[in-house]
Amino acid sequence: MSIPALQAGIAGIDNGLDGLHRNATTIARAAPGDSADSTRALLDLRADQHQVEASVKVLKAADEMLGSLLDVRA
């Protein structure tokens, strides 16, 4: 059984974590005085954080929905 909301939530978390890792690496490797790349990476890091948080909310909502459906079927 495939549940699109769960798949979307998991994919969003995966994408967000990949972005977090990529941007954290960019920040860690930034040369002194290279503020443009660091600034962009920090902004992207924040966006990735929001993506993960939103995806977790999608998973929680899907879990609650499934729980309600199971309660109705019981």
C-alpha atoms as a PDB file:
ATOM      1  CA  MET A   1       0.000   0.000   0.000  1.00  0.00           C
ATOM      2  CA  SER A   2       1.456   3.324  -1.075  1.00  0.00           C
ATOM      3  CA  ILE A   3       0.600   6.499   0.809  1.00  0.00           C
ATOM      4  CA  PRO A   4       1.619   9.607  -1.165  1.00  0.00           C
ATOM      5  CA  ALA A   5       1.682  11.909   1.889  1.00  0.00           C
ATOM      6  CA  LEU A   6       4.145   9.645   3.669  1.00  0.00           C
ATOM      7  CA  GLN A   7       6.306   9.353   0.568  1.00  0.00           C
ATOM      8  CA  ALA A   8       6.283  13.139   0.098  1.00  0.00           C
ATOM      9  CA  GLY A   9       7.203  13.710   3.745  1.00  0.00           C
ATOM     10  CA  ILE A  10      10.083  11.263   3.615  1.00  0.00           C
ATOM     11  CA  ALA A  11      11.337  12.679   0.302  1.00  0.00           C
ATOM     12  CA  GLY A  12      11.186  16.201   1.746  1.00  0.00           C
ATOM     13  CA  ILE A  13      13.208  15.166   4.786  1.00  0.00           C
ATOM     14  CA  ASP A  14      15.786  13.416   2.584  1.00  0.00           C
ATOM     15  CA  ASN A  15      16.114  16.451   0.315  1.00  0.00           C
ATOM     16  CA  GLY A  16      16.357  18.821   3.253  1.00  0.00           C
ATOM     17  CA  LEU A  17      19.022  16.740   4.976  1.00  0.00           C
ATOM     18  CA  ASP A  18      21.023  16.502   1.751  1.00  0.00           C
ATOM     19  CA  GLY A  19      20.856  20.278   1.414  1.00  0.00           C
ATOM     20  CA  LEU A  20      21.839  20.769   5.049  1.00  0.00           C
ATOM     21  CA  HIS A  21      24.885  18.584   4.583  1.00  0.00           C
ATOM     22  CA  ARG A  22      25.867  20.274   1.310  1.00  0.00           C
ATOM     23  CA  ASN A  23      25.509  23.800   2.694  1.00  0.00           C
ATOM     24  CA  ALA A  24      27.229  22.980   5.982  1.00  0.00           C
ATOM     25  CA  THR A  25      30.168  21.637   3.973  1.00  0.00           C
ATOM     26  CA  THR A  26      30.235  24.809   1.873  1.00  0.00           C
ATOM     27  CA  ILE A  27      30.296  26.937   5.013  1.00  0.00           C
ATOM     28  CA  ALA A  28      33.001  24.819   6.634  1.00  0.00           C
ATOM     29  CA  ARG A  29      35.216  25.039   3.555  1.00  0.00           C
ATOM     30  CA  ALA A  30      34.665  28.744   2.879  1.00  0.00           C
ATOM     31  CA  ALA A  31      37.816  30.768   2.562  1.00  0.00           C
ATOM     32  CA  PRO A  32      38.206  33.841   4.756  1.00  0.00           C
ATOM     33  CA  GLY A  33      36.815  36.844   2.937  1.00  0.00           C
ATOM     34  CA  ASP A  34      34.562  34.737   0.691  1.00  0.00           C
ATOM     35  CA  SER A  35      31.385  36.118   2.179  1.00  0.00           C
ATOM     36  CA  ALA A  36      29.181  35.708  -0.916  1.00  0.00           C
ATOM     37  CA  ASP A  37      29.316  31.898  -0.915  1.00  0.00           C
ATOM     38  CA  SER A  38      29.054  31.721   2.869  1.00  0.00           C
ATOM     39  CA  THR A  39      26.081  34.067   2.959  1.00  0.00           C
ATOM     40  CA  ARG A  40      24.252  32.123   0.260  1.00  0.00           C
ATOM     41  CA  ALA A  41      25.035  28.828   1.994  1.00  0.00           C
ATOM     42  CA  LEU A  42      23.710  30.180   5.304  1.00  0.00           C
ATOM     43  CA  LEU A  43      20.471  31.271   3.650  1.00  0.00           C
ATOM     44  CA  ASP A  44      20.129  27.914   1.920  1.00  0.00           C
ATOM     45  CA  LEU A  45      20.890  26.175   5.207  1.00  0.00           C
ATOM     46  CA  ARG A  46      17.960  27.961   6.811  1.00  0.00           C
ATOM     47  CA  ALA A  47      15.686  27.055   3.887  1.00  0.00           C
ATOM     48  CA  ASP A  48      16.746  23.413   4.184  1.00  0.00           C
ATOM     49  CA  GLN A  49      15.924  23.499   7.890  1.00  0.00           C
ATOM     50  CA  HIS A  50      12.434  24.793   7.095  1.00  0.00           C
ATOM     51  CA  GLN A  51      11.984  22.071   4.485  1.00  0.00           C
ATOM     52  CA  VAL A  52      12.818  19.359   7.009  1.00  0.00           C
ATOM     53  CA  GLU A  53      10.509  20.887   9.619  1.00  0.00           C
ATOM     54  CA  ALA A  54       7.641  21.161   7.118  1.00  0.00           C
ATOM     55  CA  SER A  55       8.173  17.592   5.951  1.00  0.00           C
ATOM     56  CA  VAL A  56       8.053  16.344   9.539  1.00  0.00           C
ATOM     57  CA  LYS A  57       4.698  18.110   9.913  1.00  0.00           C
ATOM     58  CA  VAL A  58       3.465  16.328   6.770  1.00  0.00           C
ATOM     59  CA  LEU A  59       4.490  12.984   8.275  1.00  0.00           C
ATOM     60  CA  LYS A  60       2.785  13.793  11.567  1.00  0.00           C
ATOM     61  CA  ALA A  61      -0.422  14.794   9.781  1.00  0.00           C
ATOM     62  CA  ALA A  62      -0.376  11.607   7.685  1.00  0.00           C
ATOM     63  CA  ASP A  63       0.223   9.543  10.834  1.00  0.00           C
ATOM     64  CA  GLU A  64      -2.724  11.181  12.579  1.00  0.00           C
ATOM     65  CA  MET A  65      -4.913  10.668   9.517  1.00  0.00           C
ATOM     66  CA  LEU A  66      -3.990   6.976   9.342  1.00  0.00           C
ATOM     67  CA  GLY A  67      -4.653   6.626  13.047  1.00  0.00           C
ATOM     68  CA  SER A  68      -8.097   8.171  12.627  1.00  0.00           C
ATOM     69  CA  LEU A  69      -8.879   5.903   9.686  1.00  0.00           C
ATOM     70  CA  LEU A  70      -7.819   2.848  11.658  1.00  0.00           C
ATOM     71  CA  ASP A  71     -10.000   3.967  14.573  1.00  0.00           C
ATOM     72  CA  VAL A  72     -12.979   4.281  12.248  1.00  0.00           C
ATOM     73  CA  ARG A  73     -12.348   0.828  10.763  1.00  0.00           C
ATOM     74  CA  ALA A  74     -12.012  -0.792  14.190  1.00  0.00           C
END
